Amino acid sequence: MPVTSRKIKVSFQKEGVHRYPDAPKGVEFLKHPHRHIFHFYVTLEVFHNDRDIEFILFKRDLEILFRAEIMQADNKSCEMLAEDLLDYIEINYPGRFVQVEVYEDDENGAILSNG
């Protein structure tokens, strides 16, 4: 059977603080700054079996975006963080399928893709 798709997947995590100013009733505590370990999982299309993008280098490139010791995400949700990362990847690695997953404490999160 011919291969119809090839993808690599990298993951990394970053300590961060954010808040949800419009938190609904029942989770009002989220309106205040609170800490998470944000887990990032990124899937990127590659075009052959010898990886035209080396995943260690790709991961390092993405981690550079989060240089601060503690990420200050302000009022950004997992969806917003994923969209920022997706936009960066589409600019720097154009013409490829991309999926970005961002989870708070590797428990609850968001999945965004361009396809």
PDB file of N, CA and C in Angstrom:
ATOM      1  N   MET A   1       0.848  -1.169   0.000  1.00  0.00           N
ATOM      2  CA  MET A   1       0.000   0.000   0.000  1.00  0.00           C
ATOM      3  C   MET A   1       0.902   1.244   0.000  1.00  0.00           C
ATOM      4  N   PRO A   2       0.645   2.198  -0.869  1.00  0.00           N
ATOM      5  CA  PRO A   2       1.473   3.410  -0.901  1.00  0.00           C
ATOM      6  C   PRO A   2       1.183   4.323   0.289  1.00  0.00           C
ATOM      7  N   VAL A   3       2.221   4.972   0.761  1.00  0.00           N
ATOM      8  CA  VAL A   3       2.080   5.921   1.869  1.00  0.00           C
ATOM      9  C   VAL A   3       1.464   7.196   1.317  1.00  0.00           C
ATOM     10  N   THR A   4       0.431   7.684   1.959  1.00  0.00           N
ATOM     11  CA  THR A   4      -0.241   8.902   1.485  1.00  0.00           C
ATOM     12  C   THR A   4       0.065  10.117   2.351  1.00  0.00           C
ATOM     13  N   SER A   5       0.711   9.887   3.487  1.00  0.00           N
ATOM     14  CA  SER A   5       0.992  11.013   4.374  1.00  0.00           C
ATOM     15  C   SER A   5       2.161  10.665   5.281  1.00  0.00           C
ATOM     16  N   ARG A   6       3.023  11.636   5.490  1.00  0.00           N
ATOM     17  CA  ARG A   6       4.161  11.485   6.409  1.00  0.00           C
ATOM     18  C   ARG A   6       4.163  12.685   7.337  1.00  0.00           C
ATOM     19  N   LYS A   7       4.308  12.429   8.618  1.00  0.00           N
ATOM     20  CA  LYS A   7       4.306  13.509   9.593  1.00  0.00           C
ATOM     21  C   LYS A   7       5.319  13.209  10.692  1.00  0.00           C
ATOM     22  N   ILE A   8       5.867  14.270  11.258  1.00  0.00           N
ATOM     23  CA  ILE A   8       6.672  14.147  12.462  1.00  0.00           C
ATOM     24  C   ILE A   8       5.900  14.801  13.595  1.00  0.00           C
ATOM     25  N   LYS A   9       6.245  14.426  14.811  1.00  0.00           N
ATOM     26  CA  LYS A   9       5.575  15.000  15.971  1.00  0.00           C
ATOM     27  C   LYS A   9       6.628  15.314  17.018  1.00  0.00           C
ATOM     28  N   VAL A  10       6.566  16.544  17.543  1.00  0.00           N
ATOM     29  CA  VAL A  10       7.461  16.942  18.621  1.00  0.00           C
ATOM     30  C   VAL A  10       6.617  17.400  19.800  1.00  0.00           C
ATOM     31  N   SER A  11       7.227  17.343  20.966  1.00  0.00           N
ATOM     32  CA  SER A  11       6.528  17.820  22.156  1.00  0.00           C
ATOM     33  C   SER A  11       7.510  18.544  23.057  1.00  0.00           C
ATOM     34  N   PHE A  12       6.970  19.493  23.808  1.00  0.00           N
ATOM     35  CA  PHE A  12       7.756  20.200  24.808  1.00  0.00           C
ATOM     36  C   PHE A  12       6.785  20.791  25.806  1.00  0.00           C
ATOM     37  N   GLN A  13       7.318  21.240  26.917  1.00  0.00           N
ATOM     38  CA  GLN A  13       6.458  21.835  27.942  1.00  0.00           C
ATOM     39  C   GLN A  13       7.090  23.106  28.462  1.00  0.00           C
ATOM     40  N   LYS A  14       6.227  23.957  29.014  1.00  0.00           N
ATOM     41  CA  LYS A  14       6.693  25.252  29.515  1.00  0.00           C
ATOM     42  C   LYS A  14       5.809  25.679  30.677  1.00  0.00           C
ATOM     43  N   GLU A  15       6.469  26.101  31.761  1.00  0.00           N
ATOM     44  CA  GLU A  15       5.734  26.663  32.882  1.00  0.00           C
ATOM     45  C   GLU A  15       5.198  28.031  32.473  1.00  0.00           C
ATOM     46  N   GLY A  16       3.963  28.307  32.837  1.00  0.00           N
ATOM     47  CA  GLY A  16       3.383  29.592  32.466  1.00  0.00           C
ATOM     48  C   GLY A  16       2.275  30.021  33.405  1.00  0.00           C
ATOM     49  N   VAL A  17       1.964  31.298  33.310  1.00  0.00           N
ATOM     50  CA  VAL A  17       0.894  31.894  34.112  1.00  0.00           C
ATOM     51  C   VAL A  17      -0.072  32.580  33.149  1.00  0.00           C
ATOM     52  N   HIS A  18      -1.343  32.349  33.372  1.00  0.00           N
ATOM     53  CA  HIS A  18      -2.361  33.060  32.592  1.00  0.00           C
ATOM     54  C   HIS A  18      -3.605  33.237  33.440  1.00  0.00           C
ATOM     55  N   ARG A  19      -4.597  33.893  32.843  1.00  0.00           N
ATOM     56  CA  ARG A  19      -5.879  34.093  33.518  1.00  0.00           C
ATOM     57  C   ARG A  19      -6.976  34.125  32.472  1.00  0.00           C
ATOM     58  N   TYR A  20      -8.206  33.951  32.919  1.00  0.00           N
ATOM     59  CA  TYR A  20      -9.375  33.915  32.043  1.00  0.00           C
ATOM     60  C   TYR A  20     -10.332  34.990  32.551  1.00  0.00           C
ATOM     61  N   PRO A  21     -10.178  36.242  32.056  1.00  0.00           N
ATOM     62  CA  PRO A  21     -10.956  37.368  32.588  1.00  0.00           C
ATOM     63  C   PRO A  21     -12.464  37.174  32.530  1.00  0.00           C
ATOM     64  N   ASP A  22     -12.956  36.444  31.538  1.00  0.00           N
ATOM     65  CA  ASP A  22     -14.401  36.254  31.372  1.00  0.00           C
ATOM     66  C   ASP A  22     -14.855  34.871  31.830  1.00  0.00           C
ATOM     67  N   ALA A  23     -14.166  34.318  32.801  1.00  0.00           N
ATOM     68  CA  ALA A  23     -14.501  32.973  33.285  1.00  0.00           C
ATOM     69  C   ALA A  23     -15.967  32.914  33.718  1.00  0.00           C
ATOM     70  N   PRO A  24     -16.671  31.872  33.318  1.00  0.00           N
ATOM     71  CA  PRO A  24     -18.084  31.755  33.678  1.00  0.00           C
ATOM     72  C   PRO A  24     -18.290  31.374  35.146  1.00  0.00           C
ATOM     73  N   LYS A  25     -19.516  31.526  35.573  1.00  0.00           N
ATOM     74  CA  LYS A  25     -19.902  31.165  36.935  1.00  0.00           C
ATOM     75  C   LYS A  25     -19.529  29.695  37.185  1.00  0.00           C
ATOM     76  N   GLY A  26     -18.989  29.462  38.333  1.00  0.00           N
ATOM     77  CA  GLY A  26     -18.563  28.117  38.703  1.00  0.00           C
ATOM     78  C   GLY A  26     -17.060  27.929  38.628  1.00  0.00           C
ATOM     79  N   VAL A  27     -16.414  28.766  37.814  1.00  0.00           N
ATOM     80  CA  VAL A  27     -14.950  28.711  37.716  1.00  0.00           C
ATOM     81  C   VAL A  27     -14.379  30.132  37.775  1.00  0.00           C
ATOM     82  N   GLU A  28     -14.985  30.955  38.609  1.00  0.00           N
ATOM     83  CA  GLU A  28     -14.557  32.349  38.745  1.00  0.00           C
ATOM     84  C   GLU A  28     -13.090  32.472  39.159  1.00  0.00           C
ATOM     85  N   PHE A  29     -12.565  31.491  39.849  1.00  0.00           N
ATOM     86  CA  PHE A  29     -11.164  31.527  40.292  1.00  0.00           C
ATOM     87  C   PHE A  29     -10.204  31.645  39.118  1.00  0.00           C
ATOM     88  N   LEU A  30     -10.638  31.271  37.914  1.00  0.00           N
ATOM     89  CA  LEU A  30      -9.778  31.351  36.735  1.00  0.00           C
ATOM     90  C   LEU A  30      -9.556  32.794  36.274  1.00  0.00           C
ATOM     91  N   LYS A  31     -10.324  33.731  36.824  1.00  0.00           N
ATOM     92  CA  LYS A  31     -10.147  35.146  36.483  1.00  0.00           C
ATOM     93  C   LYS A  31      -8.825  35.680  37.013  1.00  0.00           C
ATOM     94  N   HIS A  32      -8.264  35.021  37.986  1.00  0.00           N
ATOM     95  CA  HIS A  32      -7.026  35.459  38.620  1.00  0.00           C
ATOM     96  C   HIS A  32      -5.832  34.728  38.008  1.00  0.00           C
ATOM     97  N   PRO A  33      -4.672  35.368  37.975  1.00  0.00           N
ATOM     98  CA  PRO A  33      -3.493  34.683  37.429  1.00  0.00           C
ATOM     99  C   PRO A  33      -3.245  33.358  38.156  1.00  0.00           C
ATOM    100  N   HIS A  34      -3.000  32.330  37.377  1.00  0.00           N
ATOM    101  CA  HIS A  34      -2.724  31.013  37.947  1.00  0.00           C
ATOM    102  C   HIS A  34      -1.708  30.285  37.066  1.00  0.00           C
ATOM    103  N   ARG A  35      -1.005  29.361  37.662  1.00  0.00           N
ATOM    104  CA  ARG A  35       0.116  28.661  37.038  1.00  0.00           C
ATOM    105  C   ARG A  35      -0.326  27.329  36.444  1.00  0.00           C
ATOM    106  N   HIS A  36       0.301  27.005  35.324  1.00  0.00           N
ATOM    107  CA  HIS A  36       0.150  25.696  34.688  1.00  0.00           C
ATOM    108  C   HIS A  36       1.502  25.273  34.139  1.00  0.00           C
ATOM    109  N   ILE A  37       1.619  23.998  33.885  1.00  0.00           N
ATOM    110  CA  ILE A  37       2.652  23.506  32.989  1.00  0.00           C
ATOM    111  C   ILE A  37       1.921  23.276  31.663  1.00  0.00           C
ATOM    112  N   PHE A  38       2.244  24.107  30.674  1.00  0.00           N
ATOM    113  CA  PHE A  38       1.621  23.986  29.355  1.00  0.00           C
ATOM    114  C   PHE A  38       2.395  22.940  28.566  1.00  0.00           C
ATOM    115  N   HIS A  39       1.665  21.976  28.009  1.00  0.00           N
ATOM    116  CA  HIS A  39       2.249  20.916  27.197  1.00  0.00           C
ATOM    117  C   HIS A  39       1.880  21.185  25.742  1.00  0.00           C
ATOM    118  N   PHE A  40       2.893  21.192  24.893  1.00  0.00           N
ATOM    119  CA  PHE A  40       2.721  21.460  23.468  1.00  0.00           C
ATOM    120  C   PHE A  40       3.048  20.194  22.685  1.00  0.00           C
ATOM    121  N   TYR A  41       2.186  19.842  21.746  1.00  0.00           N
ATOM    122  CA  TYR A  41       2.405  18.728  20.830  1.00  0.00           C
ATOM    123  C   TYR A  41       2.180  19.280  19.425  1.00  0.00           C
ATOM    124  N   VAL A  42       3.191  19.147  18.584  1.00  0.00           N
ATOM    125  CA  VAL A  42       3.104  19.710  17.241  1.00  0.00           C
ATOM    126  C   VAL A  42       3.375  18.618  16.217  1.00  0.00           C
ATOM    127  N   THR A  43       2.442  18.466  15.287  1.00  0.00           N
ATOM    128  CA  THR A  43       2.563  17.512  14.193  1.00  0.00           C
ATOM    129  C   THR A  43       2.783  18.298  12.909  1.00  0.00           C
ATOM    130  N   LEU A  44       3.793  17.903  12.133  1.00  0.00           N
ATOM    131  CA  LEU A  44       4.143  18.614  10.907  1.00  0.00           C
ATOM    132  C   LEU A  44       4.349  17.619   9.773  1.00  0.00           C
ATOM    133  N   GLU A  45       3.779  17.926   8.643  1.00  0.00           N
ATOM    134  CA  GLU A  45       3.942  17.092   7.458  1.00  0.00           C
ATOM    135  C   GLU A  45       5.381  17.174   6.944  1.00  0.00           C
ATOM    136  N   VAL A  46       5.932  16.023   6.576  1.00  0.00           N
ATOM    137  CA  VAL A  46       7.218  15.954   5.884  1.00  0.00           C
ATOM    138  C   VAL A  46       6.984  15.207   4.578  1.00  0.00           C
ATOM    139  N   PHE A  47       7.952  15.314   3.658  1.00  0.00           N
ATOM    140  CA  PHE A  47       7.694  14.825   2.304  1.00  0.00           C
ATOM    141  C   PHE A  47       8.467  13.582   1.897  1.00  0.00           C
ATOM    142  N   HIS A  48       9.341  13.063   2.744  1.00  0.00           N
ATOM    143  CA  HIS A  48      10.002  11.793   2.433  1.00  0.00           C
ATOM    144  C   HIS A  48      10.476  11.138   3.725  1.00  0.00           C
ATOM    145  N   ASN A  49      10.922   9.905   3.620  1.00  0.00           N
ATOM    146  CA  ASN A  49      11.270   9.117   4.798  1.00  0.00           C
ATOM    147  C   ASN A  49      12.596   9.502   5.438  1.00  0.00           C
ATOM    148  N   ASP A  50      13.368  10.353   4.801  1.00  0.00           N
ATOM    149  CA  ASP A  50      14.627  10.803   5.385  1.00  0.00           C
ATOM    150  C   ASP A  50      14.434  12.170   6.041  1.00  0.00           C
ATOM    151  N   ARG A  51      13.225  12.492   6.408  1.00  0.00           N
ATOM    152  CA  ARG A  51      12.842  13.730   7.101  1.00  0.00           C
ATOM    153  C   ARG A  51      13.487  14.970   6.515  1.00  0.00           C
ATOM    154  N   ASP A  52      12.766  15.626   5.651  1.00  0.00           N
ATOM    155  CA  ASP A  52      13.253  16.889   5.109  1.00  0.00           C
ATOM    156  C   ASP A  52      13.304  17.957   6.192  1.00  0.00           C
ATOM    157  N   ILE A  53      12.655  17.726   7.312  1.00  0.00           N
ATOM    158  CA  ILE A  53      12.791  18.576   8.497  1.00  0.00           C
ATOM    159  C   ILE A  53      13.171  17.657   9.652  1.00  0.00           C
ATOM    160  N   GLU A  54      14.328  17.886  10.218  1.00  0.00           N
ATOM    161  CA  GLU A  54      14.806  17.062  11.338  1.00  0.00           C
ATOM    162  C   GLU A  54      14.033  17.448  12.594  1.00  0.00           C
ATOM    163  N   PHE A  55      13.421  16.485  13.255  1.00  0.00           N
ATOM    164  CA  PHE A  55      12.532  16.840  14.359  1.00  0.00           C
ATOM    165  C   PHE A  55      13.230  17.442  15.559  1.00  0.00           C
ATOM    166  N   ILE A  56      14.472  17.096  15.826  1.00  0.00           N
ATOM    167  CA  ILE A  56      15.183  17.735  16.946  1.00  0.00           C
ATOM    168  C   ILE A  56      15.380  19.222  16.670  1.00  0.00           C
ATOM    169  N   LEU A  57      15.765  19.555  15.439  1.00  0.00           N
ATOM    170  CA  LEU A  57      15.953  20.964  15.074  1.00  0.00           C
ATOM    171  C   LEU A  57      14.624  21.716  15.064  1.00  0.00           C
ATOM    172  N   PHE A  58      13.585  21.061  14.592  1.00  0.00           N
ATOM    173  CA  PHE A  58      12.253  21.667  14.584  1.00  0.00           C
ATOM    174  C   PHE A  58      11.790  21.976  16.012  1.00  0.00           C
ATOM    175  N   LYS A  59      11.971  21.030  16.903  1.00  0.00           N
ATOM    176  CA  LYS A  59      11.596  21.233  18.304  1.00  0.00           C
ATOM    177  C   LYS A  59      12.372  22.393  18.913  1.00  0.00           C
ATOM    178  N   ARG A  60      13.672  22.445  18.670  1.00  0.00           N
ATOM    179  CA  ARG A  60      14.482  23.543  19.197  1.00  0.00           C
ATOM    180  C   ARG A  60      13.992  24.889  18.680  1.00  0.00           C
ATOM    181  N   ASP A  61      13.636  24.929  17.408  1.00  0.00           N
ATOM    182  CA  ASP A  61      13.129  26.166  16.813  1.00  0.00           C
ATOM    183  C   ASP A  61      11.864  26.628  17.541  1.00  0.00           C
ATOM    184  N   LEU A  62      10.968  25.711  17.834  1.00  0.00           N
ATOM    185  CA  LEU A  62       9.717  26.070  18.511  1.00  0.00           C
ATOM    186  C   LEU A  62       9.963  26.480  19.954  1.00  0.00           C
ATOM    187  N   GLU A  63      10.864  25.805  20.635  1.00  0.00           N
ATOM    188  CA  GLU A  63      11.154  26.131  22.037  1.00  0.00           C
ATOM    189  C   GLU A  63      11.737  27.534  22.184  1.00  0.00           C
ATOM    190  N   ILE A  64      12.455  27.999  21.180  1.00  0.00           N
ATOM    191  CA  ILE A  64      13.035  29.347  21.226  1.00  0.00           C
ATOM    192  C   ILE A  64      11.943  30.408  21.375  1.00  0.00           C
ATOM    193  N   LEU A  65      10.763  30.121  20.887  1.00  0.00           N
ATOM    194  CA  LEU A  65       9.644  31.076  20.990  1.00  0.00           C
ATOM    195  C   LEU A  65       9.230  31.312  22.435  1.00  0.00           C
ATOM    196  N   PHE A  66       9.623  30.418  23.330  1.00  0.00           N
ATOM    197  CA  PHE A  66       9.214  30.483  24.730  1.00  0.00           C
ATOM    198  C   PHE A  66      10.457  30.589  25.611  1.00  0.00           C
ATOM    199  N   ARG A  67      11.262  31.611  25.384  1.00  0.00           N
ATOM    200  CA  ARG A  67      12.547  31.774  26.072  1.00  0.00           C
ATOM    201  C   ARG A  67      12.421  32.115  27.545  1.00  0.00           C
ATOM    202  N   ALA A  68      11.413  32.871  27.910  1.00  0.00           N
ATOM    203  CA  ALA A  68      11.282  33.310  29.302  1.00  0.00           C
ATOM    204  C   ALA A  68      11.244  32.098  30.228  1.00  0.00           C
ATOM    205  N   GLU A  69      11.817  32.265  31.412  1.00  0.00           N
ATOM    206  CA  GLU A  69      11.820  31.154  32.373  1.00  0.00           C
ATOM    207  C   GLU A  69      10.396  30.730  32.689  1.00  0.00           C
ATOM    208  N   ILE A  70       9.538  31.716  32.921  1.00  0.00           N
ATOM    209  CA  ILE A  70       8.113  31.445  33.135  1.00  0.00           C
ATOM    210  C   ILE A  70       7.339  32.230  32.083  1.00  0.00           C
ATOM    211  N   MET A  71       6.608  31.520  31.260  1.00  0.00           N
ATOM    212  CA  MET A  71       5.836  32.145  30.189  1.00  0.00           C
ATOM    213  C   MET A  71       4.696  32.968  30.786  1.00  0.00           C
ATOM    214  N   GLN A  72       4.602  34.216  30.391  1.00  0.00           N
ATOM    215  CA  GLN A  72       3.510  35.086  30.818  1.00  0.00           C
ATOM    216  C   GLN A  72       2.477  35.107  29.694  1.00  0.00           C
ATOM    217  N   ALA A  73       1.463  34.282  29.818  1.00  0.00           N
ATOM    218  CA  ALA A  73       0.466  34.133  28.761  1.00  0.00           C
ATOM    219  C   ALA A  73      -0.688  35.111  28.914  1.00  0.00           C
ATOM    220  N   ASP A  74      -0.666  35.927  29.966  1.00  0.00           N
ATOM    221  CA  ASP A  74      -1.713  36.925  30.209  1.00  0.00           C
ATOM    222  C   ASP A  74      -3.091  36.282  30.124  1.00  0.00           C
ATOM    223  N   ASN A  75      -3.923  36.757  29.214  1.00  0.00           N
ATOM    224  CA  ASN A  75      -5.275  36.194  29.127  1.00  0.00           C
ATOM    225  C   ASN A  75      -5.404  35.231  27.945  1.00  0.00           C
ATOM    226  N   LYS A  76      -4.292  34.663  27.485  1.00  0.00           N
ATOM    227  CA  LYS A  76      -4.348  33.736  26.355  1.00  0.00           C
ATOM    228  C   LYS A  76      -4.805  32.351  26.801  1.00  0.00           C
ATOM    229  N   SER A  77      -5.744  31.823  26.046  1.00  0.00           N
ATOM    230  CA  SER A  77      -6.235  30.466  26.264  1.00  0.00           C
ATOM    231  C   SER A  77      -5.324  29.474  25.547  1.00  0.00           C
ATOM    232  N   CYS A  78      -5.562  28.202  25.765  1.00  0.00           N
ATOM    233  CA  CYS A  78      -4.825  27.178  25.028  1.00  0.00           C
ATOM    234  C   CYS A  78      -5.042  27.349  23.527  1.00  0.00           C
ATOM    235  N   GLU A  79      -6.273  27.701  23.143  1.00  0.00           N
ATOM    236  CA  GLU A  79      -6.582  27.912  21.732  1.00  0.00           C
ATOM    237  C   GLU A  79      -5.747  29.058  21.154  1.00  0.00           C
ATOM    238  N   MET A  80      -5.623  30.137  21.917  1.00  0.00           N
ATOM    239  CA  MET A  80      -4.847  31.292  21.445  1.00  0.00           C
ATOM    240  C   MET A  80      -3.363  30.965  21.343  1.00  0.00           C
ATOM    241  N   LEU A  81      -2.833  30.253  22.318  1.00  0.00           N
ATOM    242  CA  LEU A  81      -1.428  29.839  22.262  1.00  0.00           C
ATOM    243  C   LEU A  81      -1.188  28.917  21.068  1.00  0.00           C
ATOM    244  N   ALA A  82      -2.112  27.999  20.830  1.00  0.00           N
ATOM    245  CA  ALA A  82      -1.986  27.080  19.691  1.00  0.00           C
ATOM    246  C   ALA A  82      -2.042  27.845  18.375  1.00  0.00           C
ATOM    247  N   GLU A  83      -2.918  28.829  18.282  1.00  0.00           N
ATOM    248  CA  GLU A  83      -3.029  29.601  17.045  1.00  0.00           C
ATOM    249  C   GLU A  83      -1.765  30.414  16.783  1.00  0.00           C
ATOM    250  N   ASP A  84      -1.183  30.997  17.818  1.00  0.00           N
ATOM    251  CA  ASP A  84       0.083  31.728  17.662  1.00  0.00           C
ATOM    252  C   ASP A  84       1.174  30.804  17.119  1.00  0.00           C
ATOM    253  N   LEU A  85       1.253  29.614  17.674  1.00  0.00           N
ATOM    254  CA  LEU A  85       2.266  28.653  17.242  1.00  0.00           C
ATOM    255  C   LEU A  85       1.987  28.171  15.816  1.00  0.00           C
ATOM    256  N   LEU A  86       0.736  27.915  15.516  1.00  0.00           N
ATOM    257  CA  LEU A  86       0.345  27.491  14.168  1.00  0.00           C
ATOM    258  C   LEU A  86       0.713  28.558  13.142  1.00  0.00           C
ATOM    259  N   ASP A  87       0.446  29.818  13.454  1.00  0.00           N
ATOM    260  CA  ASP A  87       0.800  30.917  12.543  1.00  0.00           C
ATOM    261  C   ASP A  87       2.304  30.959  12.294  1.00  0.00           C
ATOM    262  N   TYR A  88       3.103  30.828  13.350  1.00  0.00           N
ATOM    263  CA  TYR A  88       4.562  30.829  13.220  1.00  0.00           C
ATOM    264  C   TYR A  88       5.027  29.692  12.307  1.00  0.00           C
ATOM    265  N   ILE A  89       4.485  28.511  12.516  1.00  0.00           N
ATOM    266  CA  ILE A  89       4.905  27.349  11.731  1.00  0.00           C
ATOM    267  C   ILE A  89       4.506  27.513  10.271  1.00  0.00           C
ATOM    268  N   GLU A  90       3.311  28.007  10.018  1.00  0.00           N
ATOM    269  CA  GLU A  90       2.873  28.187   8.630  1.00  0.00           C
ATOM    270  C   GLU A  90       3.753  29.188   7.886  1.00  0.00           C
ATOM    271  N   ILE A  91       4.267  30.197   8.586  1.00  0.00           N
ATOM    272  CA  ILE A  91       5.161  31.178   7.961  1.00  0.00           C
ATOM    273  C   ILE A  91       6.541  30.573   7.717  1.00  0.00           C
ATOM    274  N   ASN A  92       7.056  29.831   8.684  1.00  0.00           N
ATOM    275  CA  ASN A  92       8.426  29.326   8.624  1.00  0.00           C
ATOM    276  C   ASN A  92       8.571  27.942   7.976  1.00  0.00           C
ATOM    277  N   TYR A  93       7.476  27.213   7.871  1.00  0.00           N
ATOM    278  CA  TYR A  93       7.471  25.892   7.248  1.00  0.00           C
ATOM    279  C   TYR A  93       6.234  25.812   6.338  1.00  0.00           C
ATOM    280  N   PRO A  94       6.200  26.617   5.287  1.00  0.00           N
ATOM    281  CA  PRO A  94       4.972  26.757   4.485  1.00  0.00           C
ATOM    282  C   PRO A  94       4.616  25.506   3.678  1.00  0.00           C
ATOM    283  N   GLY A  95       3.338  25.437   3.321  1.00  0.00           N
ATOM    284  CA  GLY A  95       2.862  24.402   2.418  1.00  0.00           C
ATOM    285  C   GLY A  95       2.762  23.023   3.016  1.00  0.00           C
ATOM    286  N   ARG A  96       2.603  22.944   4.339  1.00  0.00           N
ATOM    287  CA  ARG A  96       2.549  21.649   5.017  1.00  0.00           C
ATOM    288  C   ARG A  96       1.342  21.593   5.955  1.00  0.00           C
ATOM    289  N   PHE A  97       0.850  20.402   6.152  1.00  0.00           N
ATOM    290  CA  PHE A  97      -0.154  20.196   7.199  1.00  0.00           C
ATOM    291  C   PHE A  97       0.514  20.428   8.551  1.00  0.00           C
ATOM    292  N   VAL A  98      -0.201  21.133   9.425  1.00  0.00           N
ATOM    293  CA  VAL A  98       0.279  21.381  10.787  1.00  0.00           C
ATOM    294  C   VAL A  98      -0.878  21.162  11.752  1.00  0.00           C
ATOM    295  N   GLN A  99      -0.593  20.506  12.852  1.00  0.00           N
ATOM    296  CA  GLN A  99      -1.555  20.386  13.950  1.00  0.00           C
ATOM    297  C   GLN A  99      -0.830  20.751  15.234  1.00  0.00           C
ATOM    298  N   VAL A 100      -1.447  21.623  16.018  1.00  0.00           N
ATOM    299  CA  VAL A 100      -0.861  22.064  17.283  1.00  0.00           C
ATOM    300  C   VAL A 100      -1.843  21.733  18.403  1.00  0.00           C
ATOM    301  N   GLU A 101      -1.335  21.080  19.426  1.00  0.00           N
ATOM    302  CA  GLU A 101      -2.122  20.771  20.619  1.00  0.00           C
ATOM    303  C   GLU A 101      -1.470  21.469  21.804  1.00  0.00           C
ATOM    304  N   VAL A 102      -2.280  22.136  22.611  1.00  0.00           N
ATOM    305  CA  VAL A 102      -1.780  22.793  23.813  1.00  0.00           C
ATOM    306  C   VAL A 102      -2.683  22.374  24.969  1.00  0.00           C
ATOM    307  N   TYR A 103      -2.067  21.845  26.023  1.00  0.00           N
ATOM    308  CA  TYR A 103      -2.805  21.363  27.185  1.00  0.00           C
ATOM    309  C   TYR A 103      -2.303  22.049  28.452  1.00  0.00           C
ATOM    310  N   GLU A 104      -3.234  22.311  29.346  1.00  0.00           N
ATOM    311  CA  GLU A 104      -2.889  22.790  30.689  1.00  0.00           C
ATOM    312  C   GLU A 104      -2.625  21.563  31.551  1.00  0.00           C
ATOM    313  N   ASP A 105      -1.401  21.456  32.050  1.00  0.00           N
ATOM    314  CA  ASP A 105      -1.015  20.351  32.931  1.00  0.00           C
ATOM    315  C   ASP A 105      -1.236  18.981  32.281  1.00  0.00           C
ATOM    316  N   ASP A 106      -1.187  18.956  30.952  1.00  0.00           N
ATOM    317  CA  ASP A 106      -1.377  17.740  30.144  1.00  0.00           C
ATOM    318  C   ASP A 106      -2.717  17.077  30.434  1.00  0.00           C
ATOM    319  N   GLU A 107      -3.711  17.901  30.753  1.00  0.00           N
ATOM    320  CA  GLU A 107      -5.024  17.381  31.126  1.00  0.00           C
ATOM    321  C   GLU A 107      -6.123  17.865  30.176  1.00  0.00           C
ATOM    322  N   ASN A 108      -6.333  19.182  30.119  1.00  0.00           N
ATOM    323  CA  ASN A 108      -7.371  19.764  29.277  1.00  0.00           C
ATOM    324  C   ASN A 108      -6.704  20.716  28.305  1.00  0.00           C
ATOM    325  N   GLY A 109      -7.194  20.767  27.070  1.00  0.00           N
ATOM    326  CA  GLY A 109      -6.524  21.642  26.117  1.00  0.00           C
ATOM    327  C   GLY A 109      -7.272  21.808  24.821  1.00  0.00           C
ATOM    328  N   ALA A 110      -6.520  22.246  23.828  1.00  0.00           N
ATOM    329  CA  ALA A 110      -7.086  22.569  22.522  1.00  0.00           C
ATOM    330  C   ALA A 110      -6.233  21.980  21.419  1.00  0.00           C
ATOM    331  N   ILE A 111      -6.882  21.670  20.299  1.00  0.00           N
ATOM    332  CA  ILE A 111      -6.212  21.140  19.119  1.00  0.00           C
ATOM    333  C   ILE A 111      -6.631  21.981  17.940  1.00  0.00           C
ATOM    334  N   LEU A 112      -5.651  22.576  17.243  1.00  0.00           N
ATOM    335  CA  LEU A 112      -5.907  23.374  16.051  1.00  0.00           C
ATOM    336  C   LEU A 112      -5.062  22.824  14.915  1.00  0.00           C
ATOM    337  N   SER A 113      -5.600  22.874  13.696  1.00  0.00           N
ATOM    338  CA  SER A 113      -4.827  22.445  12.533  1.00  0.00           C
ATOM    339  C   SER A 113      -5.205  23.303  11.329  1.00  0.00           C
ATOM    340  N   ASN A 114      -4.381  23.221  10.321  1.00  0.00           N
ATOM    341  CA  ASN A 114      -4.646  23.976   9.099  1.00  0.00           C
ATOM    342  C   ASN A 114      -5.253  23.093   8.015  1.00  0.00           C
ATOM    343  N   GLY A 115      -5.691  21.898   8.370  1.00  0.00           N
ATOM    344  CA  GLY A 115      -6.252  21.026   7.343  1.00  0.00           C
ATOM    345  C   GLY A 115      -7.292  20.093   7.858  1.00  0.00           C
TER     346      GLY A 115
END
